[in-house]
Amino acid sequence: MDFKAKENLINKLFQECLDIQTKKGQDYAGTIDALSNFKRNAEQLGLTKYQVWAIYFNKHIDAIMMSIKRYPSQPQVESEPLAERIRDAINYLALLLCLLEEEYKNEK
């Protein structure tokens, strides 16, 4: 893959990630606090919002790693395209950044 093709693919990937965040965000969090899903589940389960985030994130990483283990020459996931898991993992990393940023701003 040349550099231009890589750049185009990554730009497309990030746009797709933004689209997913827009479509799924309110399903999980509602309309007021974009991070409420983590906070609500943390309270219900006696965990921190970061621990809840880690569980959700790890689900996607685990699926990616299992696909590489099961199909080392051509990784795939049975339930959905592997690219969807990659997009979800990227989105969860962005959500962690949002959780950290919110905490940082609240400390000021």
PDB file of N, CA and C in Angstrom:
ATOM      1  N   MET A   1       0.855  -1.176   0.000  1.00  0.00           N
ATOM      2  CA  MET A   1       0.000   0.000   0.000  1.00  0.00           C
ATOM      3  C   MET A   1       0.900   1.237   0.000  1.00  0.00           C
ATOM      4  N   ASP A   2       0.607   2.155  -0.886  1.00  0.00           N
ATOM      5  CA  ASP A   2       1.396   3.383  -0.904  1.00  0.00           C
ATOM      6  C   ASP A   2       0.853   4.370   0.129  1.00  0.00           C
ATOM      7  N   PHE A   3       1.582   5.456   0.356  1.00  0.00           N
ATOM      8  CA  PHE A   3       1.226   6.410   1.404  1.00  0.00           C
ATOM      9  C   PHE A   3      -0.106   7.116   1.142  1.00  0.00           C
ATOM     10  N   LYS A   4      -0.387   7.404  -0.091  1.00  0.00           N
ATOM     11  CA  LYS A   4      -1.647   8.074  -0.424  1.00  0.00           C
ATOM     12  C   LYS A   4      -2.831   7.152  -0.154  1.00  0.00           C
ATOM     13  N   ALA A   5      -2.705   5.896  -0.539  1.00  0.00           N
ATOM     14  CA  ALA A   5      -3.772   4.927  -0.282  1.00  0.00           C
ATOM     15  C   ALA A   5      -3.979   4.753   1.222  1.00  0.00           C
ATOM     16  N   LYS A   6      -2.890   4.723   1.979  1.00  0.00           N
ATOM     17  CA  LYS A   6      -2.982   4.607   3.434  1.00  0.00           C
ATOM     18  C   LYS A   6      -3.702   5.821   4.012  1.00  0.00           C
ATOM     19  N   GLU A   7      -3.329   7.003   3.570  1.00  0.00           N
ATOM     20  CA  GLU A   7      -3.955   8.225   4.060  1.00  0.00           C
ATOM     21  C   GLU A   7      -5.450   8.237   3.752  1.00  0.00           C
ATOM     22  N   ASN A   8      -5.801   7.837   2.535  1.00  0.00           N
ATOM     23  CA  ASN A   8      -7.214   7.789   2.144  1.00  0.00           C
ATOM     24  C   ASN A   8      -7.993   6.798   3.002  1.00  0.00           C
ATOM     25  N   LEU A   9      -7.404   5.637   3.249  1.00  0.00           N
ATOM     26  CA  LEU A   9      -8.068   4.618   4.057  1.00  0.00           C
ATOM     27  C   LEU A   9      -8.274   5.104   5.489  1.00  0.00           C
ATOM     28  N   ILE A  10      -7.268   5.734   6.066  1.00  0.00           N
ATOM     29  CA  ILE A  10      -7.381   6.222   7.445  1.00  0.00           C
ATOM     30  C   ILE A  10      -8.387   7.366   7.533  1.00  0.00           C
ATOM     31  N   ASN A  11      -8.384   8.264   6.571  1.00  0.00           N
ATOM     32  CA  ASN A  11      -9.388   9.340   6.563  1.00  0.00           C
ATOM     33  C   ASN A  11     -10.804   8.763   6.494  1.00  0.00           C
ATOM     34  N   LYS A  12     -10.989   7.764   5.646  1.00  0.00           N
ATOM     35  CA  LYS A  12     -12.294   7.110   5.535  1.00  0.00           C
ATOM     36  C   LYS A  12     -12.649   6.415   6.846  1.00  0.00           C
ATOM     37  N   LEU A  13     -11.683   5.749   7.456  1.00  0.00           N
ATOM     38  CA  LEU A  13     -11.897   5.063   8.728  1.00  0.00           C
ATOM     39  C   LEU A  13     -12.358   6.038   9.808  1.00  0.00           C
ATOM     40  N   PHE A  14     -11.670   7.162   9.944  1.00  0.00           N
ATOM     41  CA  PHE A  14     -12.035   8.133  10.974  1.00  0.00           C
ATOM     42  C   PHE A  14     -13.413   8.738  10.728  1.00  0.00           C
ATOM     43  N   GLN A  15     -13.760   8.960   9.478  1.00  0.00           N
ATOM     44  CA  GLN A  15     -15.104   9.460   9.174  1.00  0.00           C
ATOM     45  C   GLN A  15     -16.151   8.421   9.549  1.00  0.00           C
ATOM     46  N   GLU A  16     -15.870   7.166   9.258  1.00  0.00           N
ATOM     47  CA  GLU A  16     -16.792   6.091   9.634  1.00  0.00           C
ATOM     48  C   GLU A  16     -16.930   6.010  11.150  1.00  0.00           C
ATOM     49  N   CYS A  17     -15.824   6.184  11.870  1.00  0.00           N
ATOM     50  CA  CYS A  17     -15.869   6.182  13.334  1.00  0.00           C
ATOM     51  C   CYS A  17     -16.754   7.309  13.846  1.00  0.00           C
ATOM     52  N   LEU A  18     -16.617   8.485  13.274  1.00  0.00           N
ATOM     53  CA  LEU A  18     -17.470   9.613  13.666  1.00  0.00           C
ATOM     54  C   LEU A  18     -18.941   9.322  13.377  1.00  0.00           C
ATOM     55  N   ASP A  19     -19.202   8.719  12.245  1.00  0.00           N
ATOM     56  CA  ASP A  19     -20.581   8.377  11.888  1.00  0.00           C
ATOM     57  C   ASP A  19     -21.171   7.394  12.895  1.00  0.00           C
ATOM     58  N   ILE A  20     -20.394   6.405  13.296  1.00  0.00           N
ATOM     59  CA  ILE A  20     -20.855   5.424  14.275  1.00  0.00           C
ATOM     60  C   ILE A  20     -21.116   6.107  15.607  1.00  0.00           C
ATOM     61  N   GLN A  21     -20.199   6.982  16.033  1.00  0.00           N
ATOM     62  CA  GLN A  21     -20.390   7.711  17.295  1.00  0.00           C
ATOM     63  C   GLN A  21     -21.707   8.493  17.266  1.00  0.00           C
ATOM     64  N   THR A  22     -21.978   9.121  16.155  1.00  0.00           N
ATOM     65  CA  THR A  22     -23.195   9.911  16.028  1.00  0.00           C
ATOM     66  C   THR A  22     -24.434   9.023  16.087  1.00  0.00           C
ATOM     67  N   LYS A  23     -24.405   7.906  15.380  1.00  0.00           N
ATOM     68  CA  LYS A  23     -25.570   7.020  15.308  1.00  0.00           C
ATOM     69  C   LYS A  23     -25.820   6.277  16.616  1.00  0.00           C
ATOM     70  N   LYS A  24     -24.757   5.764  17.235  1.00  0.00           N
ATOM     71  CA  LYS A  24     -24.923   4.910  18.413  1.00  0.00           C
ATOM     72  C   LYS A  24     -24.889   5.665  19.734  1.00  0.00           C
ATOM     73  N   GLY A  25     -24.305   6.834  19.752  1.00  0.00           N
ATOM     74  CA  GLY A  25     -24.079   7.549  21.001  1.00  0.00           C
ATOM     75  C   GLY A  25     -25.313   7.735  21.849  1.00  0.00           C
ATOM     76  N   GLN A  26     -26.390   8.215  21.259  1.00  0.00           N
ATOM     77  CA  GLN A  26     -27.604   8.466  22.027  1.00  0.00           C
ATOM     78  C   GLN A  26     -28.292   7.175  22.444  1.00  0.00           C
ATOM     79  N   ASP A  27     -28.090   6.103  21.683  1.00  0.00           N
ATOM     80  CA  ASP A  27     -28.669   4.816  22.082  1.00  0.00           C
ATOM     81  C   ASP A  27     -28.109   4.365  23.428  1.00  0.00           C
ATOM     82  N   TYR A  28     -26.833   4.619  23.645  1.00  0.00           N
ATOM     83  CA  TYR A  28     -26.178   4.192  24.875  1.00  0.00           C
ATOM     84  C   TYR A  28     -26.294   5.228  25.996  1.00  0.00           C
ATOM     85  N   ALA A  29     -26.210   6.487  25.637  1.00  0.00           N
ATOM     86  CA  ALA A  29     -26.056   7.519  26.663  1.00  0.00           C
ATOM     87  C   ALA A  29     -27.272   8.406  26.856  1.00  0.00           C
ATOM     88  N   GLY A  30     -28.180   8.420  25.937  1.00  0.00           N
ATOM     89  CA  GLY A  30     -29.288   9.365  26.024  1.00  0.00           C
ATOM     90  C   GLY A  30     -28.917  10.667  25.335  1.00  0.00           C
ATOM     91  N   THR A  31     -29.589  11.736  25.722  1.00  0.00           N
ATOM     92  CA  THR A  31     -29.400  12.996  24.988  1.00  0.00           C
ATOM     93  C   THR A  31     -28.695  14.089  25.783  1.00  0.00           C
ATOM     94  N   ILE A  32     -28.408  13.861  27.069  1.00  0.00           N
ATOM     95  CA  ILE A  32     -27.833  14.935  27.881  1.00  0.00           C
ATOM     96  C   ILE A  32     -26.340  14.742  28.131  1.00  0.00           C
ATOM     97  N   ASP A  33     -25.965  13.603  28.708  1.00  0.00           N
ATOM     98  CA  ASP A  33     -24.569  13.327  29.051  1.00  0.00           C
ATOM     99  C   ASP A  33     -24.057  12.212  28.153  1.00  0.00           C
ATOM    100  N   ALA A  34     -23.162  12.540  27.245  1.00  0.00           N
ATOM    101  CA  ALA A  34     -22.651  11.574  26.273  1.00  0.00           C
ATOM    102  C   ALA A  34     -21.887  10.419  26.915  1.00  0.00           C
ATOM    103  N   LEU A  35     -21.520  10.569  28.184  1.00  0.00           N
ATOM    104  CA  LEU A  35     -20.749   9.541  28.874  1.00  0.00           C
ATOM    105  C   LEU A  35     -21.550   8.841  29.972  1.00  0.00           C
ATOM    106  N   SER A  36     -22.846   9.089  30.000  1.00  0.00           N
ATOM    107  CA  SER A  36     -23.672   8.572  31.099  1.00  0.00           C
ATOM    108  C   SER A  36     -23.704   7.052  31.165  1.00  0.00           C
ATOM    109  N   ASN A  37     -23.549   6.378  30.052  1.00  0.00           N
ATOM    110  CA  ASN A  37     -23.553   4.921  30.042  1.00  0.00           C
ATOM    111  C   ASN A  37     -22.476   4.364  30.973  1.00  0.00           C
ATOM    112  N   PHE A  38     -21.298   4.938  30.915  1.00  0.00           N
ATOM    113  CA  PHE A  38     -20.192   4.469  31.765  1.00  0.00           C
ATOM    114  C   PHE A  38     -20.483   4.766  33.234  1.00  0.00           C
ATOM    115  N   LYS A  39     -20.995   5.946  33.493  1.00  0.00           N
ATOM    116  CA  LYS A  39     -21.275   6.375  34.869  1.00  0.00           C
ATOM    117  C   LYS A  39     -22.424   5.575  35.468  1.00  0.00           C
ATOM    118  N   ARG A  40     -23.472   5.396  34.700  1.00  0.00           N
ATOM    119  CA  ARG A  40     -24.656   4.669  35.173  1.00  0.00           C
ATOM    120  C   ARG A  40     -24.309   3.213  35.503  1.00  0.00           C
ATOM    121  N   ASN A  41     -23.589   2.570  34.601  1.00  0.00           N
ATOM    122  CA  ASN A  41     -23.209   1.179  34.832  1.00  0.00           C
ATOM    123  C   ASN A  41     -22.192   1.054  35.948  1.00  0.00           C
ATOM    124  N   ALA A  42     -21.321   2.026  36.084  1.00  0.00           N
ATOM    125  CA  ALA A  42     -20.361   2.009  37.191  1.00  0.00           C
ATOM    126  C   ALA A  42     -21.099   2.027  38.525  1.00  0.00           C
ATOM    127  N   GLU A  43     -22.087   2.894  38.623  1.00  0.00           N
ATOM    128  CA  GLU A  43     -22.858   2.994  39.867  1.00  0.00           C
ATOM    129  C   GLU A  43     -23.631   1.703  40.136  1.00  0.00           C
ATOM    130  N   GLN A  44     -24.244   1.163  39.120  1.00  0.00           N
ATOM    131  CA  GLN A  44     -25.038  -0.059  39.281  1.00  0.00           C
ATOM    132  C   GLN A  44     -24.184  -1.260  39.669  1.00  0.00           C
ATOM    133  N   LEU A  45     -22.943  -1.300  39.181  1.00  0.00           N
ATOM    134  CA  LEU A  45     -22.087  -2.469  39.387  1.00  0.00           C
ATOM    135  C   LEU A  45     -21.042  -2.273  40.478  1.00  0.00           C
ATOM    136  N   GLY A  46     -20.975  -1.085  41.056  1.00  0.00           N
ATOM    137  CA  GLY A  46     -19.973  -0.825  42.079  1.00  0.00           C
ATOM    138  C   GLY A  46     -18.555  -0.760  41.520  1.00  0.00           C
ATOM    139  N   LEU A  47     -18.444  -0.230  40.338  1.00  0.00           N
ATOM    140  CA  LEU A  47     -17.153  -0.086  39.665  1.00  0.00           C
ATOM    141  C   LEU A  47     -16.911   1.396  39.376  1.00  0.00           C
ATOM    142  N   THR A  48     -15.743   1.710  38.851  1.00  0.00           N
ATOM    143  CA  THR A  48     -15.516   3.066  38.376  1.00  0.00           C
ATOM    144  C   THR A  48     -15.920   3.140  36.900  1.00  0.00           C
ATOM    145  N   LYS A  49     -16.114   4.347  36.435  1.00  0.00           N
ATOM    146  CA  LYS A  49     -16.461   4.519  35.017  1.00  0.00           C
ATOM    147  C   LYS A  49     -15.331   4.017  34.115  1.00  0.00           C
ATOM    148  N   TYR A  50     -14.101   4.084  34.616  1.00  0.00           N
ATOM    149  CA  TYR A  50     -12.963   3.596  33.840  1.00  0.00           C
ATOM    150  C   TYR A  50     -12.943   2.069  33.774  1.00  0.00           C
ATOM    151  N   GLN A  51     -13.355   1.421  34.838  1.00  0.00           N
ATOM    152  CA  GLN A  51     -13.437  -0.037  34.823  1.00  0.00           C
ATOM    153  C   GLN A  51     -14.526  -0.510  33.863  1.00  0.00           C
ATOM    154  N   VAL A  52     -15.647   0.177  33.861  1.00  0.00           N
ATOM    155  CA  VAL A  52     -16.713  -0.154  32.915  1.00  0.00           C
ATOM    156  C   VAL A  52     -16.203   0.052  31.496  1.00  0.00           C
ATOM    157  N   TRP A  53     -15.544   1.185  31.265  1.00  0.00           N
ATOM    158  CA  TRP A  53     -14.968   1.442  29.933  1.00  0.00           C
ATOM    159  C   TRP A  53     -14.040   0.295  29.539  1.00  0.00           C
ATOM    160  N   ALA A  54     -13.183  -0.136  30.456  1.00  0.00           N
ATOM    161  CA  ALA A  54     -12.202  -1.186  30.157  1.00  0.00           C
ATOM    162  C   ALA A  54     -12.892  -2.490  29.761  1.00  0.00           C
ATOM    163  N   ILE A  55     -13.982  -2.813  30.407  1.00  0.00           N
ATOM    164  CA  ILE A  55     -14.717  -4.034  30.067  1.00  0.00           C
ATOM    165  C   ILE A  55     -15.272  -3.933  28.653  1.00  0.00           C
ATOM    166  N   TYR A  56     -15.905  -2.814  28.343  1.00  0.00           N
ATOM    167  CA  TYR A  56     -16.469  -2.634  26.999  1.00  0.00           C
ATOM    168  C   TYR A  56     -15.371  -2.653  25.933  1.00  0.00           C
ATOM    169  N   PHE A  57     -14.303  -1.936  26.191  1.00  0.00           N
ATOM    170  CA  PHE A  57     -13.190  -1.864  25.232  1.00  0.00           C
ATOM    171  C   PHE A  57     -12.575  -3.242  25.026  1.00  0.00           C
ATOM    172  N   ASN A  58     -12.356  -3.947  26.124  1.00  0.00           N
ATOM    173  CA  ASN A  58     -11.679  -5.241  26.037  1.00  0.00           C
ATOM    174  C   ASN A  58     -12.497  -6.251  25.234  1.00  0.00           C
ATOM    175  N   LYS A  59     -13.810  -6.109  25.237  1.00  0.00           N
ATOM    176  CA  LYS A  59     -14.655  -7.004  24.441  1.00  0.00           C
ATOM    177  C   LYS A  59     -14.252  -6.937  22.966  1.00  0.00           C
ATOM    178  N   HIS A  60     -13.999  -5.738  22.491  1.00  0.00           N
ATOM    179  CA  HIS A  60     -13.626  -5.576  21.089  1.00  0.00           C
ATOM    180  C   HIS A  60     -12.199  -6.042  20.836  1.00  0.00           C
ATOM    181  N   ILE A  61     -11.300  -5.730  21.745  1.00  0.00           N
ATOM    182  CA  ILE A  61      -9.912  -6.172  21.592  1.00  0.00           C
ATOM    183  C   ILE A  61      -9.843  -7.699  21.642  1.00  0.00           C
ATOM    184  N   ASP A  62     -10.607  -8.299  22.547  1.00  0.00           N
ATOM    185  CA  ASP A  62     -10.630  -9.752  22.660  1.00  0.00           C
ATOM    186  C   ASP A  62     -11.119 -10.397  21.363  1.00  0.00           C
ATOM    187  N   ALA A  63     -12.157  -9.834  20.768  1.00  0.00           N
ATOM    188  CA  ALA A  63     -12.669 -10.372  19.501  1.00  0.00           C
ATOM    189  C   ALA A  63     -11.629 -10.234  18.386  1.00  0.00           C
ATOM    190  N   ILE A  64     -10.936  -9.103  18.357  1.00  0.00           N
ATOM    191  CA  ILE A  64      -9.884  -8.904  17.351  1.00  0.00           C
ATOM    192  C   ILE A  64      -8.765  -9.922  17.557  1.00  0.00           C
ATOM    193  N   MET A  65      -8.324 -10.080  18.798  1.00  0.00           N
ATOM    194  CA  MET A  65      -7.232 -11.011  19.092  1.00  0.00           C
ATOM    195  C   MET A  65      -7.626 -12.462  18.802  1.00  0.00           C
ATOM    196  N   MET A  66      -8.854 -12.824  19.131  1.00  0.00           N
ATOM    197  CA  MET A  66      -9.320 -14.186  18.833  1.00  0.00           C
ATOM    198  C   MET A  66      -9.371 -14.426  17.330  1.00  0.00           C
ATOM    199  N   SER A  67      -9.754 -13.413  16.570  1.00  0.00           N
ATOM    200  CA  SER A  67      -9.805 -13.589  15.118  1.00  0.00           C
ATOM    201  C   SER A  67      -8.407 -13.809  14.556  1.00  0.00           C
ATOM    202  N   ILE A  68      -7.424 -13.122  15.120  1.00  0.00           N
ATOM    203  CA  ILE A  68      -6.041 -13.304  14.668  1.00  0.00           C
ATOM    204  C   ILE A  68      -5.539 -14.692  15.073  1.00  0.00           C
ATOM    205  N   LYS A  69      -5.923 -15.131  16.252  1.00  0.00           N
ATOM    206  CA  LYS A  69      -5.512 -16.456  16.718  1.00  0.00           C
ATOM    207  C   LYS A  69      -6.156 -17.553  15.872  1.00  0.00           C
ATOM    208  N   ARG A  70      -7.457 -17.421  15.615  1.00  0.00           N
ATOM    209  CA  ARG A  70      -8.173 -18.466  14.872  1.00  0.00           C
ATOM    210  C   ARG A  70      -7.845 -18.472  13.384  1.00  0.00           C
ATOM    211  N   TYR A  71      -7.631 -17.301  12.831  1.00  0.00           N
ATOM    212  CA  TYR A  71      -7.377 -17.178  11.392  1.00  0.00           C
ATOM    213  C   TYR A  71      -6.130 -16.318  11.170  1.00  0.00           C
ATOM    214  N   PRO A  72      -4.963 -16.814  11.524  1.00  0.00           N
ATOM    215  CA  PRO A  72      -3.753 -15.982  11.488  1.00  0.00           C
ATOM    216  C   PRO A  72      -3.385 -15.453  10.101  1.00  0.00           C
ATOM    217  N   SER A  73      -3.761 -16.146   9.057  1.00  0.00           N
ATOM    218  CA  SER A  73      -3.423 -15.685   7.708  1.00  0.00           C
ATOM    219  C   SER A  73      -4.390 -14.645   7.178  1.00  0.00           C
ATOM    220  N   GLN A  74      -5.629 -14.705   7.639  1.00  0.00           N
ATOM    221  CA  GLN A  74      -6.648 -13.768   7.178  1.00  0.00           C
ATOM    222  C   GLN A  74      -7.678 -13.601   8.298  1.00  0.00           C
ATOM    223  N   PRO A  75      -7.357 -12.773   9.302  1.00  0.00           N
ATOM    224  CA  PRO A  75      -8.257 -12.616  10.459  1.00  0.00           C
ATOM    225  C   PRO A  75      -9.658 -12.190  10.055  1.00  0.00           C
ATOM    226  N   GLN A  76     -10.625 -12.789  10.728  1.00  0.00           N
ATOM    227  CA  GLN A  76     -12.022 -12.438  10.512  1.00  0.00           C
ATOM    228  C   GLN A  76     -12.800 -12.741  11.788  1.00  0.00           C
ATOM    229  N   VAL A  77     -13.952 -12.119  11.911  1.00  0.00           N
ATOM    230  CA  VAL A  77     -14.848 -12.358  13.028  1.00  0.00           C
ATOM    231  C   VAL A  77     -16.125 -12.927  12.430  1.00  0.00           C
ATOM    232  N   GLU A  78     -16.670 -13.935  13.074  1.00  0.00           N
ATOM    233  CA  GLU A  78     -17.858 -14.601  12.531  1.00  0.00           C
ATOM    234  C   GLU A  78     -19.105 -13.720  12.582  1.00  0.00           C
ATOM    235  N   SER A  79     -19.272 -12.937  13.647  1.00  0.00           N
ATOM    236  CA  SER A  79     -20.529 -12.213  13.854  1.00  0.00           C
ATOM    237  C   SER A  79     -20.635 -10.911  13.074  1.00  0.00           C
ATOM    238  N   GLU A  80     -19.509 -10.311  12.721  1.00  0.00           N
ATOM    239  CA  GLU A  80     -19.511  -9.050  11.991  1.00  0.00           C
ATOM    240  C   GLU A  80     -18.143  -8.868  11.353  1.00  0.00           C
ATOM    241  N   PRO A  81     -18.033  -8.000  10.369  1.00  0.00           N
ATOM    242  CA  PRO A  81     -16.721  -7.785   9.754  1.00  0.00           C
ATOM    243  C   PRO A  81     -15.705  -7.293  10.792  1.00  0.00           C
ATOM    244  N   LEU A  82     -14.479  -7.756  10.671  1.00  0.00           N
ATOM    245  CA  LEU A  82     -13.424  -7.343  11.594  1.00  0.00           C
ATOM    246  C   LEU A  82     -13.251  -5.831  11.593  1.00  0.00           C
ATOM    247  N   ALA A  83     -13.479  -5.205  10.460  1.00  0.00           N
ATOM    248  CA  ALA A  83     -13.371  -3.744  10.373  1.00  0.00           C
ATOM    249  C   ALA A  83     -14.322  -3.055  11.350  1.00  0.00           C
ATOM    250  N   GLU A  84     -15.483  -3.655  11.619  1.00  0.00           N
ATOM    251  CA  GLU A  84     -16.420  -3.069  12.586  1.00  0.00           C
ATOM    252  C   GLU A  84     -15.834  -3.097  13.993  1.00  0.00           C
ATOM    253  N   ARG A  85     -15.186  -4.183  14.350  1.00  0.00           N
ATOM    254  CA  ARG A  85     -14.541  -4.272  15.662  1.00  0.00           C
ATOM    255  C   ARG A  85     -13.423  -3.241  15.784  1.00  0.00           C
ATOM    256  N   ILE A  86     -12.697  -3.040  14.706  1.00  0.00           N
ATOM    257  CA  ILE A  86     -11.613  -2.049  14.712  1.00  0.00           C
ATOM    258  C   ILE A  86     -12.196  -0.652  14.901  1.00  0.00           C
ATOM    259  N   ARG A  87     -13.266  -0.341  14.191  1.00  0.00           N
ATOM    260  CA  ARG A  87     -13.919   0.968  14.354  1.00  0.00           C
ATOM    261  C   ARG A  87     -14.424   1.143  15.785  1.00  0.00           C
ATOM    262  N   ASP A  88     -15.019   0.098  16.329  1.00  0.00           N
ATOM    263  CA  ASP A  88     -15.518   0.177  17.703  1.00  0.00           C
ATOM    264  C   ASP A  88     -14.376   0.401  18.691  1.00  0.00           C
ATOM    265  N   ALA A  89     -13.265  -0.289  18.497  1.00  0.00           N
ATOM    266  CA  ALA A  89     -12.118  -0.120  19.400  1.00  0.00           C
ATOM    267  C   ALA A  89     -11.591   1.311  19.335  1.00  0.00           C
ATOM    268  N   ILE A  90     -11.503   1.863  18.142  1.00  0.00           N
ATOM    269  CA  ILE A  90     -11.066   3.257  17.992  1.00  0.00           C
ATOM    270  C   ILE A  90     -12.036   4.185  18.717  1.00  0.00           C
ATOM    271  N   ASN A  91     -13.323   3.938  18.556  1.00  0.00           N
ATOM    272  CA  ASN A  91     -14.316   4.780  19.223  1.00  0.00           C
ATOM    273  C   ASN A  91     -14.210   4.678  20.731  1.00  0.00           C
ATOM    274  N   TYR A  92     -13.950   3.490  21.243  1.00  0.00           N
ATOM    275  CA  TYR A  92     -13.807   3.363  22.697  1.00  0.00           C
ATOM    276  C   TYR A  92     -12.559   4.074  23.201  1.00  0.00           C
ATOM    277  N   LEU A  93     -11.490   4.093  22.426  1.00  0.00           N
ATOM    278  CA  LEU A  93     -10.316   4.878  22.820  1.00  0.00           C
ATOM    279  C   LEU A  93     -10.667   6.363  22.853  1.00  0.00           C
ATOM    280  N   ALA A  94     -11.450   6.815  21.894  1.00  0.00           N
ATOM    281  CA  ALA A  94     -11.879   8.219  21.896  1.00  0.00           C
ATOM    282  C   ALA A  94     -12.764   8.508  23.103  1.00  0.00           C
ATOM    283  N   LEU A  95     -13.619   7.562  23.467  1.00  0.00           N
ATOM    284  CA  LEU A  95     -14.475   7.749  24.642  1.00  0.00           C
ATOM    285  C   LEU A  95     -13.660   7.804  25.927  1.00  0.00           C
ATOM    286  N   LEU A  96     -12.590   7.013  26.000  1.00  0.00           N
ATOM    287  CA  LEU A  96     -11.706   7.102  27.168  1.00  0.00           C
ATOM    288  C   LEU A  96     -11.096   8.493  27.255  1.00  0.00           C
ATOM    289  N   LEU A  97     -10.681   9.031  26.142  1.00  0.00           N
ATOM    290  CA  LEU A  97     -10.138  10.383  26.127  1.00  0.00           C
ATOM    291  C   LEU A  97     -11.193  11.378  26.626  1.00  0.00           C
ATOM    292  N   CYS A  98     -12.437  11.190  26.223  1.00  0.00           N
ATOM    293  CA  CYS A  98     -13.519  12.066  26.693  1.00  0.00           C
ATOM    294  C   CYS A  98     -13.721  11.935  28.200  1.00  0.00           C
ATOM    295  N   LEU A  99     -13.702  10.714  28.722  1.00  0.00           N
ATOM    296  CA  LEU A  99     -13.834  10.516  30.166  1.00  0.00           C
ATOM    297  C   LEU A  99     -12.706  11.214  30.914  1.00  0.00           C
ATOM    298  N   LEU A 100     -11.494  11.068  30.420  1.00  0.00           N
ATOM    299  CA  LEU A 100     -10.337  11.700  31.064  1.00  0.00           C
ATOM    300  C   LEU A 100     -10.410  13.217  30.981  1.00  0.00           C
ATOM    301  N   GLU A 101     -10.802  13.724  29.829  1.00  0.00           N
ATOM    302  CA  GLU A 101     -10.905  15.167  29.638  1.00  0.00           C
ATOM    303  C   GLU A 101     -11.967  15.754  30.556  1.00  0.00           C
ATOM    304  N   GLU A 102     -13.097  15.082  30.673  1.00  0.00           N
ATOM    305  CA  GLU A 102     -14.155  15.547  31.550  1.00  0.00           C
ATOM    306  C   GLU A 102     -13.669  15.597  32.996  1.00  0.00           C
ATOM    307  N   GLU A 103     -12.971  14.571  33.420  1.00  0.00           N
ATOM    308  CA  GLU A 103     -12.453  14.533  34.789  1.00  0.00           C
ATOM    309  C   GLU A 103     -11.431  15.646  35.022  1.00  0.00           C
ATOM    310  N   TYR A 104     -10.566  15.839  34.032  1.00  0.00           N
ATOM    311  CA  TYR A 104      -9.539  16.875  34.132  1.00  0.00           C
ATOM    312  C   TYR A 104     -10.194  18.258  34.261  1.00  0.00           C
ATOM    313  N   LYS A 105     -11.211  18.505  33.444  1.00  0.00           N
ATOM    314  CA  LYS A 105     -11.891  19.812  33.496  1.00  0.00           C
ATOM    315  C   LYS A 105     -12.636  20.005  34.801  1.00  0.00           C
ATOM    316  N   ASN A 106     -13.190  18.936  35.366  1.00  0.00           N
ATOM    317  CA  ASN A 106     -13.907  19.032  36.639  1.00  0.00           C
ATOM    318  C   ASN A 106     -12.957  19.295  37.802  1.00  0.00           C
ATOM    319  N   GLU A 107     -11.702  18.915  37.660  1.00  0.00           N
ATOM    320  CA  GLU A 107     -10.727  19.126  38.727  1.00  0.00           C
ATOM    321  C   GLU A 107     -10.240  20.562  38.782  1.00  0.00           C
ATOM    322  N   LYS A 108     -10.391  21.295  37.699  1.00  0.00           N
ATOM    323  CA  LYS A 108      -9.907  22.681  37.641  1.00  0.00           C
ATOM    324  C   LYS A 108     -10.791  23.621  38.394  1.00  0.00           C
TER     325      LYS A 108
END
